[in-house]
C-alpha atoms as a PDB file:
ATOM      1  CA  MET A   1     -82.639-155.743  66.347  1.00  0.00           C
ATOM      2  CA  THR A   2     -79.583-155.782  67.555  1.00  0.00           C
ATOM      3  CA  GLY A   3     -78.575-155.419  71.007  1.00  0.00           C
ATOM      4  CA  ARG A   4     -82.315-155.656  72.622  1.00  0.00           C
ATOM      5  CA  THR A   5     -83.678-158.219  74.100  1.00  0.00           C
ATOM      6  CA  SER A   6     -87.431-159.454  72.878  1.00  0.00           C
ATOM      7  CA  LEU A   7     -90.208-161.301  74.278  1.00  0.00           C
ATOM      8  CA  THR A   8     -93.411-162.531  71.886  1.00  0.00           C
ATOM      9  CA  ILE A   9     -96.385-163.513  73.010  1.00  0.00           C
ATOM     10  CA  VAL A  10     -98.835-165.680  71.008  1.00  0.00           C
ATOM     11  CA  LEU A  11    -102.393-165.689  71.665  1.00  0.00           C
ATOM     12  CA  ALA A  12    -103.616-168.881  70.803  1.00  0.00           C
ATOM     13  CA  ALA A  13    -106.720-169.941  73.268  1.00  0.00           C
ATOM     14  CA  GLY A  14    -109.562-169.400  71.200  1.00  0.00           C
ATOM     15  CA  GLU A  15    -111.897-171.663  70.511  1.00  0.00           C
ATOM     16  CA  GLY A  16    -112.930-170.815  67.182  1.00  0.00           C
ATOM     17  CA  THR A  17    -115.956-171.947  67.212  1.00  0.00           C
ATOM     18  CA  ARG A  18    -117.118-170.226  63.878  1.00  0.00           C
ATOM     19  CA  MET A  19    -115.197-172.351  62.027  1.00  0.00           C
ATOM     20  CA  GLN A  20    -117.614-174.805  62.398  1.00  0.00           C
ATOM     21  CA  SER A  21    -114.580-177.499  63.106  1.00  0.00           C
ATOM     22  CA  ALA A  22    -113.608-179.555  66.174  1.00  0.00           C
ATOM     23  CA  MET A  23    -109.997-178.745  65.418  1.00  0.00           C
ATOM     24  CA  PRO A  24    -108.617-175.418  67.265  1.00  0.00           C
ATOM     25  CA  LYS A  25    -109.021-172.463  65.114  1.00  0.00           C
ATOM     26  CA  VAL A  26    -104.795-171.931  65.106  1.00  0.00           C
ATOM     27  CA  LEU A  27    -104.476-175.337  63.312  1.00  0.00           C
ATOM     28  CA  HIS A  28    -106.315-174.840  60.103  1.00  0.00           C
ATOM     29  CA  PRO A  29    -104.058-174.525  57.428  1.00  0.00           C
ATOM     30  CA  VAL A  30    -103.019-171.842  55.051  1.00  0.00           C
ATOM     31  CA  ALA A  31    -100.438-172.910  52.198  1.00  0.00           C
ATOM     32  CA  GLY A  32    -100.029-176.558  53.813  1.00  0.00           C
ATOM     33  CA  GLN A  33     -99.279-174.755  57.338  1.00  0.00           C
ATOM     34  CA  SER A  34    -101.166-173.974  60.071  1.00  0.00           C
ATOM     35  CA  LEU A  35    -101.982-170.159  61.018  1.00  0.00           C
ATOM     36  CA  LEU A  36    -100.132-170.951  63.982  1.00  0.00           C
ATOM     37  CA  ALA A  37     -96.924-171.822  62.359  1.00  0.00           C
ATOM     38  CA  HIS A  38     -96.950-168.669  59.774  1.00  0.00           C
ATOM     39  CA  VAL A  39     -97.144-166.143  63.147  1.00  0.00           C
ATOM     40  CA  LEU A  40     -94.446-168.207  64.768  1.00  0.00           C
ATOM     41  CA  GLU A  41     -92.352-168.318  61.333  1.00  0.00           C
ATOM     42  CA  ALA A  42     -92.376-164.482  61.773  1.00  0.00           C
ATOM     43  CA  ALA A  43     -91.793-163.858  65.379  1.00  0.00           C
ATOM     44  CA  PRO A  44     -88.514-162.497  66.258  1.00  0.00           C
ATOM     45  CA  LYS A  45     -85.887-165.594  66.617  1.00  0.00           C
ATOM     46  CA  GLY A  46     -82.027-165.683  67.632  1.00  0.00           C
ATOM     47  CA  ALA A  47     -79.845-164.666  70.322  1.00  0.00           C
ATOM     48  CA  GLY A  48     -82.089-162.675  72.668  1.00  0.00           C
ATOM     49  CA  ALA A  49     -85.266-163.154  71.511  1.00  0.00           C
ATOM     50  CA  SER A  50     -87.858-165.678  73.310  1.00  0.00           C
ATOM     51  CA  LEU A  51     -91.356-166.659  72.080  1.00  0.00           C
ATOM     52  CA  ALA A  52     -94.459-167.759  74.765  1.00  0.00           C
ATOM     53  CA  VAL A  53     -97.683-168.964  73.280  1.00  0.00           C
ATOM     54  CA  VAL A  54    -101.155-168.914  75.669  1.00  0.00           C
ATOM     55  CA  ILE A  55    -103.307-172.002  74.911  1.00  0.00           C
ATOM     56  CA  GLY A  56    -106.645-173.202  75.818  1.00  0.00           C
ATOM     57  CA  SER A  57    -106.864-175.366  78.325  1.00  0.00           C
ATOM     58  CA  ASP A  58    -108.169-178.362  76.511  1.00  0.00           C
ATOM     59  CA  HIS A  59    -105.539-177.621  73.843  1.00  0.00           C
ATOM     60  CA  ARG A  60    -102.953-180.630  73.755  1.00  0.00           C
ATOM     61  CA  ALA A  61    -102.658-180.493  69.731  1.00  0.00           C
ATOM     62  CA  VAL A  62    -102.056-176.222  69.949  1.00  0.00           C
ATOM     63  CA  ALA A  63     -99.109-177.649  72.495  1.00  0.00           C
ATOM     64  CA  GLU A  64     -97.691-180.042  70.676  1.00  0.00           C
ATOM     65  CA  GLU A  65     -97.646-177.977  67.515  1.00  0.00           C
ATOM     66  CA  VAL A  66     -95.711-175.464  69.501  1.00  0.00           C
ATOM     67  CA  LYS A  67     -93.591-177.667  70.206  1.00  0.00           C
ATOM     68  CA  ARG A  68     -92.666-179.151  67.004  1.00  0.00           C
ATOM     69  CA  LEU A  69     -92.261-175.564  65.481  1.00  0.00           C
ATOM     70  CA  ARG A  70     -90.401-173.957  68.447  1.00  0.00           C
ATOM     71  CA  PRO A  71     -88.676-176.108  71.135  1.00  0.00           C
ATOM     72  CA  ASP A  72     -87.772-172.658  72.511  1.00  0.00           C
ATOM     73  CA  ALA A  73     -91.126-171.632  73.492  1.00  0.00           C
ATOM     74  CA  THR A  74     -92.833-171.971  76.335  1.00  0.00           C
ATOM     75  CA  THR A  75     -96.464-172.526  77.106  1.00  0.00           C
ATOM     76  CA  PHE A  76     -99.093-171.402  79.075  1.00  0.00           C
ATOM     77  CA  ILE A  77    -102.582-171.919  79.776  1.00  0.00           C
ATOM     78  CA  GLN A  78    -105.638-169.380  79.907  1.00  0.00           C
ATOM     79  CA  ARG A  79    -108.229-171.658  82.094  1.00  0.00           C
ATOM     80  CA  GLU A  80    -110.882-169.025  81.680  1.00  0.00           C
ATOM     81  CA  ARG A  81    -111.330-166.958  79.083  1.00  0.00           C
ATOM     82  CA  LEU A  82    -111.679-162.902  80.547  1.00  0.00           C
ATOM     83  CA  GLY A  83    -110.534-160.868  77.346  1.00  0.00           C
ATOM     84  CA  THR A  84    -107.473-160.494  75.506  1.00  0.00           C
ATOM     85  CA  ALA A  85    -105.734-158.787  78.681  1.00  0.00           C
ATOM     86  CA  HIS A  86    -106.357-161.844  80.844  1.00  0.00           C
ATOM     87  CA  ALA A  87    -105.065-163.881  78.128  1.00  0.00           C
ATOM     88  CA  MET A  88    -101.470-162.191  78.064  1.00  0.00           C
ATOM     89  CA  LEU A  89    -101.079-162.221  81.762  1.00  0.00           C
ATOM     90  CA  ALA A  90    -101.592-165.797  81.671  1.00  0.00           C
ATOM     91  CA  ALA A  91     -98.046-165.544  80.463  1.00  0.00           C
ATOM     92  CA  ARG A  92     -96.778-163.325  83.823  1.00  0.00           C
ATOM     93  CA  ASP A  93     -93.866-165.344  84.428  1.00  0.00           C
ATOM     94  CA  ALA A  94     -92.615-164.934  80.939  1.00  0.00           C
ATOM     95  CA  ILE A  95     -93.629-161.410  81.189  1.00  0.00           C
ATOM     96  CA  ALA A  96     -91.577-160.540  84.929  1.00  0.00           C
ATOM     97  CA  ARG A  97     -88.199-162.360  83.294  1.00  0.00           C
ATOM     98  CA  GLY A  98     -87.927-158.959  81.517  1.00  0.00           C
ATOM     99  CA  ALA A  99     -87.422-158.081  78.050  1.00  0.00           C
ATOM    100  CA  ASP A 100     -86.499-154.255  76.503  1.00  0.00           C
ATOM    101  CA  ASP A 101     -89.135-154.947  73.445  1.00  0.00           C
ATOM    102  CA  LEU A 102     -92.515-157.421  74.478  1.00  0.00           C
ATOM    103  CA  LEU A 103     -94.573-158.446  71.588  1.00  0.00           C
ATOM    104  CA  VAL A 104     -98.169-159.573  71.023  1.00  0.00           C
ATOM    105  CA  VAL A 105     -99.932-161.462  68.411  1.00  0.00           C
ATOM    106  CA  PHE A 106    -102.931-163.348  67.643  1.00  0.00           C
ATOM    107  CA  GLY A 107    -102.336-166.872  66.678  1.00  0.00           C
ATOM    108  CA  ASP A 108    -104.743-166.315  63.779  1.00  0.00           C
ATOM    109  CA  THR A 109    -102.916-163.476  61.628  1.00  0.00           C
ATOM    110  CA  PRO A 110    -101.002-165.899  59.181  1.00  0.00           C
ATOM    111  CA  LEU A 111    -100.234-163.108  56.814  1.00  0.00           C
ATOM    112  CA  ILE A 112     -97.933-160.919  59.969  1.00  0.00           C
ATOM    113  CA  SER A 113     -94.476-160.931  58.571  1.00  0.00           C
ATOM    114  CA  ALA A 114     -90.882-160.731  60.195  1.00  0.00           C
ATOM    115  CA  ALA A 115     -90.620-157.325  58.834  1.00  0.00           C
ATOM    116  CA  THR A 116     -93.569-155.425  60.302  1.00  0.00           C
ATOM    117  CA  PHE A 117     -92.733-157.120  64.063  1.00  0.00           C
ATOM    118  CA  GLU A 118     -89.456-155.171  63.672  1.00  0.00           C
ATOM    119  CA  ARG A 119     -91.048-151.984  62.427  1.00  0.00           C
ATOM    120  CA  MET A 120     -92.875-152.053  65.436  1.00  0.00           C
ATOM    121  CA  ARG A 121     -90.053-152.759  67.721  1.00  0.00           C
ATOM    122  CA  ALA A 122     -88.303-149.336  66.325  1.00  0.00           C
ATOM    123  CA  PRO A 123     -90.568-146.849  68.373  1.00  0.00           C
ATOM    124  CA  LEU A 124     -89.698-148.243  71.458  1.00  0.00           C
ATOM    125  CA  LYS A 125     -86.071-147.839  71.305  1.00  0.00           C
ATOM    126  CA  ASN A 126     -87.294-144.478  70.653  1.00  0.00           C
ATOM    127  CA  GLY A 127     -88.710-144.209  73.783  1.00  0.00           C
ATOM    128  CA  ALA A 128     -92.178-145.141  73.529  1.00  0.00           C
ATOM    129  CA  ALA A 129     -93.854-147.417  75.873  1.00  0.00           C
ATOM    130  CA  LEU A 130     -96.716-148.870  73.635  1.00  0.00           C
ATOM    131  CA  VAL A 131     -96.905-149.409  69.736  1.00  0.00           C
ATOM    132  CA  VAL A 132    -100.257-150.286  67.880  1.00  0.00           C
ATOM    133  CA  LEU A 133    -100.279-151.504  64.535  1.00  0.00           C
ATOM    134  CA  GLY A 134    -103.068-150.520  62.529  1.00  0.00           C
ATOM    135  CA  PHE A 135    -104.638-150.318  59.380  1.00  0.00           C
ATOM    136  CA  HIS A 136    -106.791-148.561  56.853  1.00  0.00           C
ATOM    137  CA  ALA A 137    -109.917-150.586  56.387  1.00  0.00           C
ATOM    138  CA  ALA A 138    -112.057-150.541  52.942  1.00  0.00           C
ATOM    139  CA  ASP A 139    -114.871-151.250  55.244  1.00  0.00           C
ATOM    140  CA  PRO A 140    -114.129-150.395  58.793  1.00  0.00           C
ATOM    141  CA  THR A 141    -117.480-150.962  60.604  1.00  0.00           C
ATOM    142  CA  GLY A 142    -116.794-153.100  63.616  1.00  0.00           C
ATOM    143  CA  TYR A 143    -112.997-152.259  63.954  1.00  0.00           C
ATOM    144  CA  GLY A 144    -111.783-150.418  66.867  1.00  0.00           C
ATOM    145  CA  ARG A 145    -110.867-146.931  65.825  1.00  0.00           C
ATOM    146  CA  LEU A 146    -107.423-145.500  66.277  1.00  0.00           C
ATOM    147  CA  LEU A 147    -107.460-142.300  67.413  1.00  0.00           C
ATOM    148  CA  VAL A 148    -104.572-140.343  67.310  1.00  0.00           C
ATOM    149  CA  GLU A 149    -103.376-136.422  67.535  1.00  0.00           C
ATOM    150  CA  GLY A 150     -99.962-135.795  65.342  1.00  0.00           C
ATOM    151  CA  ASP A 151     -98.066-138.665  65.964  1.00  0.00           C
ATOM    152  CA  ARG A 152     -99.454-139.565  69.339  1.00  0.00           C
ATOM    153  CA  LEU A 153    -101.995-142.368  69.823  1.00  0.00           C
ATOM    154  CA  VAL A 154    -104.903-141.107  71.942  1.00  0.00           C
ATOM    155  CA  ALA A 155    -107.441-143.864  72.071  1.00  0.00           C
ATOM    156  CA  ILE A 156    -108.919-147.156  71.106  1.00  0.00           C
ATOM    157  CA  ARG A 157    -112.312-146.733  69.939  1.00  0.00           C
ATOM    158  CA  GLU A 158    -115.109-149.721  69.824  1.00  0.00           C
ATOM    159  CA  HIS A 159    -116.981-149.209  66.708  1.00  0.00           C
ATOM    160  CA  ALA A 160    -119.976-149.188  68.946  1.00  0.00           C
ATOM    161  CA  ASP A 161    -118.925-146.103  71.531  1.00  0.00           C
ATOM    162  CA  THR A 162    -117.457-143.958  68.852  1.00  0.00           C
ATOM    163  CA  THR A 163    -119.063-140.472  67.808  1.00  0.00           C
ATOM    164  CA  PRO A 164    -120.135-139.977  63.993  1.00  0.00           C
ATOM    165  CA  ALA A 165    -117.025-137.697  63.332  1.00  0.00           C
ATOM    166  CA  GLU A 166    -114.867-140.839  65.012  1.00  0.00           C
ATOM    167  CA  ARG A 167    -116.920-143.404  63.075  1.00  0.00           C
ATOM    168  CA  MET A 168    -115.806-141.589  59.979  1.00  0.00           C
ATOM    169  CA  THR A 169    -111.376-142.404  60.464  1.00  0.00           C
ATOM    170  CA  THR A 170    -110.607-145.912  58.634  1.00  0.00           C
ATOM    171  CA  LEU A 171    -107.473-145.946  60.657  1.00  0.00           C
ATOM    172  CA  CYS A 172    -108.287-149.484  62.562  1.00  0.00           C
ATOM    173  CA  ASN A 173    -106.942-151.646  65.166  1.00  0.00           C
ATOM    174  CA  ALA A 174    -104.667-154.792  64.479  1.00  0.00           C
ATOM    175  CA  GLY A 175    -104.662-155.753  67.145  1.00  0.00           C
ATOM    176  CA  VAL A 176    -100.889-156.540  67.263  1.00  0.00           C
ATOM    177  CA  MET A 177     -99.274-154.639  70.107  1.00  0.00           C
ATOM    178  CA  ALA A 178     -95.451-153.845  71.069  1.00  0.00           C
ATOM    179  CA  PHE A 179     -94.605-152.748  74.743  1.00  0.00           C
ATOM    180  CA  ASP A 180     -91.375-151.167  76.509  1.00  0.00           C
ATOM    181  CA  GLY A 181     -90.793-154.663  78.351  1.00  0.00           C
ATOM    182  CA  ARG A 182     -89.652-152.428  81.288  1.00  0.00           C
ATOM    183  CA  ARG A 183     -93.395-151.357  81.751  1.00  0.00           C
ATOM    184  CA  ALA A 184     -95.392-154.128  80.335  1.00  0.00           C
ATOM    185  CA  LEU A 185     -96.668-155.908  83.401  1.00  0.00           C
ATOM    186  CA  GLU A 186     -97.035-152.735  85.260  1.00  0.00           C
ATOM    187  CA  VAL A 187     -99.605-151.475  82.450  1.00  0.00           C
ATOM    188  CA  ILE A 188    -101.481-154.591  81.791  1.00  0.00           C
ATOM    189  CA  GLU A 189    -101.915-155.379  85.520  1.00  0.00           C
ATOM    190  CA  LYS A 190    -103.559-151.852  85.643  1.00  0.00           C
ATOM    191  CA  ILE A 191    -106.170-152.799  82.866  1.00  0.00           C
ATOM    192  CA  GLY A 192    -109.610-153.382  84.613  1.00  0.00           C
ATOM    193  CA  ASN A 193    -112.810-154.521  83.588  1.00  0.00           C
ATOM    194  CA  ALA A 194    -115.477-152.011  83.599  1.00  0.00           C
ATOM    195  CA  ASN A 195    -117.424-152.888  80.564  1.00  0.00           C
ATOM    196  CA  SER A 196    -120.606-154.930  79.947  1.00  0.00           C
ATOM    197  CA  LYS A 197    -118.953-158.155  79.308  1.00  0.00           C
ATOM    198  CA  ARG A 198    -116.765-158.047  82.315  1.00  0.00           C
ATOM    199  CA  GLU A 199    -113.543-158.946  80.420  1.00  0.00           C
ATOM    200  CA  TYR A 200    -110.316-157.423  80.559  1.00  0.00           C
ATOM    201  CA  TYR A 201    -108.978-156.144  77.181  1.00  0.00           C
ATOM    202  CA  LEU A 202    -105.417-154.804  75.883  1.00  0.00           C
ATOM    203  CA  SER A 203    -107.220-151.717  73.781  1.00  0.00           C
ATOM    204  CA  ASP A 204    -107.448-150.618  77.137  1.00  0.00           C
ATOM    205  CA  ALA A 205    -103.393-150.016  77.247  1.00  0.00           C
ATOM    206  CA  VAL A 206    -103.552-147.119  75.815  1.00  0.00           C
ATOM    207  CA  GLY A 207    -105.765-145.045  78.130  1.00  0.00           C
ATOM    208  CA  VAL A 208    -103.342-146.924  81.212  1.00  0.00           C
ATOM    209  CA  VAL A 209    -100.050-145.392  79.238  1.00  0.00           C
ATOM    210  CA  HIS A 210    -101.663-142.044  79.182  1.00  0.00           C
ATOM    211  CA  GLN A 211    -102.574-141.730  82.374  1.00  0.00           C
ATOM    212  CA  LEU A 212     -98.271-143.169  83.909  1.00  0.00           C
ATOM    213  CA  GLY A 213     -97.286-140.058  81.384  1.00  0.00           C
ATOM    214  CA  LEU A 214     -96.524-142.413  78.768  1.00  0.00           C
ATOM    215  CA  GLU A 215     -96.105-142.082  74.852  1.00  0.00           C
ATOM    216  CA  ALA A 216     -98.287-144.605  72.979  1.00  0.00           C
ATOM    217  CA  VAL A 217     -98.222-144.980  68.847  1.00  0.00           C
ATOM    218  CA  VAL A 218     -99.010-146.009  65.567  1.00  0.00           C
ATOM    219  CA  ILE A 219     -97.330-148.139  63.027  1.00  0.00           C
ATOM    220  CA  GLU A 220     -99.411-148.828  59.712  1.00  0.00           C
ATOM    221  CA  THR A 221     -99.570-151.638  57.598  1.00  0.00           C
ATOM    222  CA  SER A 222    -101.823-153.335  55.119  1.00  0.00           C
ATOM    223  CA  GLU A 223    -105.348-154.722  55.610  1.00  0.00           C
ATOM    224  CA  ASP A 224    -104.151-157.634  54.487  1.00  0.00           C
ATOM    225  CA  GLU A 225    -101.183-158.370  56.338  1.00  0.00           C
ATOM    226  CA  VAL A 226    -103.688-158.517  59.566  1.00  0.00           C
ATOM    227  CA  ARG A 227    -106.362-160.616  58.582  1.00  0.00           C
ATOM    228  CA  GLY A 228    -107.666-162.510  61.562  1.00  0.00           C
ATOM    229  CA  ILE A 229    -109.261-166.119  60.738  1.00  0.00           C
ATOM    230  CA  ASN A 230    -112.995-166.526  62.784  1.00  0.00           C
ATOM    231  CA  THR A 231    -114.260-168.343  59.518  1.00  0.00           C
ATOM    232  CA  LYS A 232    -113.899-170.993  56.747  1.00  0.00           C
ATOM    233  CA  ALA A 233    -114.291-167.951  54.448  1.00  0.00           C
ATOM    234  CA  GLN A 234    -111.835-166.082  55.769  1.00  0.00           C
ATOM    235  CA  LEU A 235    -109.487-168.754  55.706  1.00  0.00           C
ATOM    236  CA  ALA A 236    -110.352-168.894  52.166  1.00  0.00           C
ATOM    237  CA  GLU A 237    -109.314-165.328  51.484  1.00  0.00           C
ATOM    238  CA  ALA A 238    -106.237-165.577  53.781  1.00  0.00           C
ATOM    239  CA  GLU A 239    -105.082-168.615  51.448  1.00  0.00           C
ATOM    240  CA  GLN A 240    -105.875-166.551  48.460  1.00  0.00           C
ATOM    241  CA  VAL A 241    -103.407-163.724  49.503  1.00  0.00           C
ATOM    242  CA  MET A 242    -100.921-166.201  50.772  1.00  0.00           C
ATOM    243  CA  GLN A 243    -100.912-167.881  47.048  1.00  0.00           C
ATOM    244  CA  ALA A 244    -100.476-164.965  45.450  1.00  0.00           C
ATOM    245  CA  ARG A 245     -97.267-163.786  48.277  1.00  0.00           C
ATOM    246  CA  LEU A 246     -95.806-167.267  47.237  1.00  0.00           C
ATOM    247  CA  ARG A 247     -96.393-167.006  43.115  1.00  0.00           C
ATOM    248  CA  LYS A 248     -94.653-163.320  43.501  1.00  0.00           C
ATOM    249  CA  ALA A 249     -91.575-164.702  45.434  1.00  0.00           C
ATOM    250  CA  ALA A 250     -91.994-167.718  43.272  1.00  0.00           C
ATOM    251  CA  LEU A 251     -91.669-165.808  39.834  1.00  0.00           C
ATOM    252  CA  GLU A 252     -88.933-162.906  41.377  1.00  0.00           C
ATOM    253  CA  ALA A 253     -86.727-165.753  42.138  1.00  0.00           C
ATOM    254  CA  GLY A 254     -86.935-167.029  38.664  1.00  0.00           C
ATOM    255  CA  VAL A 255     -89.418-169.914  38.146  1.00  0.00           C
ATOM    256  CA  THR A 256     -91.635-169.738  35.079  1.00  0.00           C
ATOM    257  CA  MET A 257     -95.065-170.358  35.690  1.00  0.00           C
ATOM    258  CA  ILE A 258     -97.141-170.292  32.193  1.00  0.00           C
ATOM    259  CA  ALA A 259    -100.174-169.119  34.462  1.00  0.00           C
ATOM    260  CA  PRO A 260     -99.505-168.665  37.545  1.00  0.00           C
ATOM    261  CA  GLU A 261    -103.048-168.287  38.771  1.00  0.00           C
ATOM    262  CA  THR A 262    -103.770-171.652  38.814  1.00  0.00           C
ATOM    263  CA  VAL A 263    -100.537-172.994  40.982  1.00  0.00           C
ATOM    264  CA  TYR A 264    -101.107-173.746  44.593  1.00  0.00           C
ATOM    265  CA  LEU A 265     -98.117-173.667  46.527  1.00  0.00           C
ATOM    266  CA  ALA A 266     -97.200-174.531  49.983  1.00  0.00           C
ATOM    267  CA  ALA A 267     -95.202-171.652  52.438  1.00  0.00           C
ATOM    268  CA  ASP A 268     -92.286-174.432  52.674  1.00  0.00           C
ATOM    269  CA  THR A 269     -91.695-175.182  48.530  1.00  0.00           C
ATOM    270  CA  THR A 270     -88.242-174.591  47.524  1.00  0.00           C
ATOM    271  CA  PHE A 271     -86.855-174.317  43.722  1.00  0.00           C
ATOM    272  CA  GLY A 272     -83.630-174.394  42.209  1.00  0.00           C
ATOM    273  CA  ASN A 273     -82.810-172.627  39.005  1.00  0.00           C
ATOM    274  CA  ASP A 274     -84.623-172.668  35.441  1.00  0.00           C
ATOM    275  CA  VAL A 275     -87.697-174.386  36.856  1.00  0.00           C
ATOM    276  CA  MET A 276     -91.061-174.512  34.951  1.00  0.00           C
ATOM    277  CA  ILE A 277     -94.336-175.410  36.200  1.00  0.00           C
ATOM    278  CA  GLU A 278     -97.114-175.688  33.999  1.00  0.00           C
ATOM    279  CA  PRO A 279    -101.030-174.432  34.717  1.00  0.00           C
ATOM    280  CA  PHE A 280    -103.017-176.495  37.090  1.00  0.00           C
ATOM    281  CA  VAL A 281    -100.141-177.924  39.081  1.00  0.00           C
ATOM    282  CA  VAL A 282    -100.615-178.630  42.930  1.00  0.00           C
ATOM    283  CA  ILE A 283     -97.590-178.215  45.433  1.00  0.00           C
ATOM    284  CA  GLY A 284     -98.092-179.613  48.864  1.00  0.00           C
ATOM    285  CA  PRO A 285     -96.179-179.060  51.841  1.00  0.00           C
ATOM    286  CA  GLY A 286     -92.257-180.617  52.160  1.00  0.00           C
ATOM    287  CA  VAL A 287     -91.240-180.505  48.107  1.00  0.00           C
ATOM    288  CA  SER A 288     -88.182-179.195  47.052  1.00  0.00           C
ATOM    289  CA  ILE A 289     -88.066-178.915  43.313  1.00  0.00           C
ATOM    290  CA  ALA A 290     -84.428-178.486  41.647  1.00  0.00           C
ATOM    291  CA  ASP A 291     -82.798-176.833  38.619  1.00  0.00           C
ATOM    292  CA  GLY A 292     -84.308-177.653  35.241  1.00  0.00           C
ATOM    293  CA  ALA A 293     -87.054-179.383  36.534  1.00  0.00           C
ATOM    294  CA  VAL A 294     -90.198-179.021  34.557  1.00  0.00           C
ATOM    295  CA  ILE A 295     -93.397-179.959  36.261  1.00  0.00           C
ATOM    296  CA  HIS A 296     -96.410-180.958  33.655  1.00  0.00           C
ATOM    297  CA  SER A 297    -100.349-179.846  34.207  1.00  0.00           C
ATOM    298  CA  PHE A 298    -102.608-181.401  36.450  1.00  0.00           C
ATOM    299  CA  SER A 299     -99.586-183.085  38.768  1.00  0.00           C
ATOM    300  CA  HIS A 300    -100.280-182.882  42.433  1.00  0.00           C
ATOM    301  CA  ILE A 301     -97.038-183.141  44.566  1.00  0.00           C
ATOM    302  CA  VAL A 302     -96.838-183.909  48.422  1.00  0.00           C
ATOM    303  CA  GLN A 303     -93.345-184.238  50.437  1.00  0.00           C
ATOM    304  CA  ALA A 304     -90.794-185.246  47.147  1.00  0.00           C
ATOM    305  CA  SER A 305     -87.557-184.008  45.852  1.00  0.00           C
ATOM    306  CA  ILE A 306     -87.471-183.208  42.238  1.00  0.00           C
ATOM    307  CA  GLY A 307     -84.086-183.940  40.945  1.00  0.00           C
ATOM    308  CA  LYS A 308     -82.080-181.798  38.044  1.00  0.00           C
ATOM    309  CA  ASN A 309     -83.679-181.825  34.995  1.00  0.00           C
ATOM    310  CA  ALA A 310     -86.699-184.049  35.775  1.00  0.00           C
ATOM    311  CA  SER A 311     -89.874-184.219  33.653  1.00  0.00           C
ATOM    312  CA  VAL A 312     -93.146-184.794  35.897  1.00  0.00           C
ATOM    313  CA  GLY A 313     -96.441-185.547  34.808  1.00  0.00           C
ATOM    314  CA  PRO A 314     -99.188-184.721  33.088  1.00  0.00           C
ATOM    315  CA  TYR A 315    -101.430-186.027  35.736  1.00  0.00           C
ATOM    316  CA  ALA A 316     -98.808-187.285  37.874  1.00  0.00           C
ATOM    317  CA  GLN A 317     -99.714-187.907  41.721  1.00  0.00           C
ATOM    318  CA  LEU A 318     -95.964-187.870  43.353  1.00  0.00           C
ATOM    319  CA  ARG A 319     -96.801-188.918  47.139  1.00  0.00           C
ATOM    320  CA  PRO A 320     -94.731-188.652  50.371  1.00  0.00           C
ATOM    321  CA  GLY A 321     -91.497-189.885  50.087  1.00  0.00           C
ATOM    322  CA  THR A 322     -91.004-189.815  46.325  1.00  0.00           C
ATOM    323  CA  SER A 323     -87.662-188.483  44.817  1.00  0.00           C
ATOM    324  CA  PRO A 324     -86.823-188.708  41.039  1.00  0.00           C
ATOM    325  CA  GLU A 325     -83.438-188.369  40.286  1.00  0.00           C
ATOM    326  CA  GLU A 326     -82.187-186.057  37.734  1.00  0.00           C
ATOM    327  CA  GLY A 327     -83.282-186.315  34.713  1.00  0.00           C
ATOM    328  CA  VAL A 328     -85.601-189.075  35.428  1.00  0.00           C
ATOM    329  CA  LYS A 329     -89.238-188.383  33.245  1.00  0.00           C
ATOM    330  CA  LEU A 330     -92.453-189.125  34.990  1.00  0.00           C
ATOM    331  CA  PRO A 331     -94.752-190.321  32.351  1.00  0.00           C
ATOM    332  CA  LYS A 332     -98.405-189.265  32.601  1.00  0.00           C
ATOM    333  CA  GLY A 333    -100.604-190.650  35.604  1.00  0.00           C
ATOM    334  CA  SER A 334     -97.463-191.821  37.501  1.00  0.00           C
END
């Protein structure tokens, strides 16, 4: 947002035990990139934008991924897991440096978009102290509800604490927030742990904001955009949503796909003009396909550059570093 500085804090310290994997949750892939990579890509960049990532004490691989993707980012360690507000305060030094807008997002929400971050920043410019991202859930069971009066966010009520009337609302908390950076540290430090788990929750920031006489508001988005990933089943669902996005973008860019639902793309795939992709093609990370190229059925391509008017497959398997030049025809099974 022109003229305003921002700090984005990505909370990525979760173990992800329900993933049944030794890999840190945020490193699991969607469309050929880690969950964390998608979030970092969406975060504000450029002049006046800074980034902090909060990781677990034993997550060296996550720190390496952050360094690879965003060398400008600062990494902080949450040594105890005492709730989301506690995780955010692990980045206290970054918060204390000051920014006009402070964004907080989880590292396991790969479908979040840069446009949504920008929409969340707009109310801060107009005087709001806190902006909470909400969505209407098809099944709101288990989600915290956003209780609003007019344009004001009154409270975030956890599902177990809702009244029967409150439980009827489908407007739910996505967990993504934006704070007035000048008041953020004051608000977060006032969050207590008077709950059954004795943890510090960012959802309690709404109450603190009201106690300070400040304003909290809601920005809405789709349920798909704020899918959090806690299980392999949810990872597969996010992959489906991401693939639908990528196919749509490719089609709108002029790529011809005879059966798009059978084509799998990576988030970084690039296409020239007049590219054709036949059914049942898998394109992994690091692939560029130049003008007029045809990818025939049952081909698998990873880290390769396809030249102009090249013909690949069918049944081709292109390994990393392969670069079919202009007009080359790679036969079946190459």
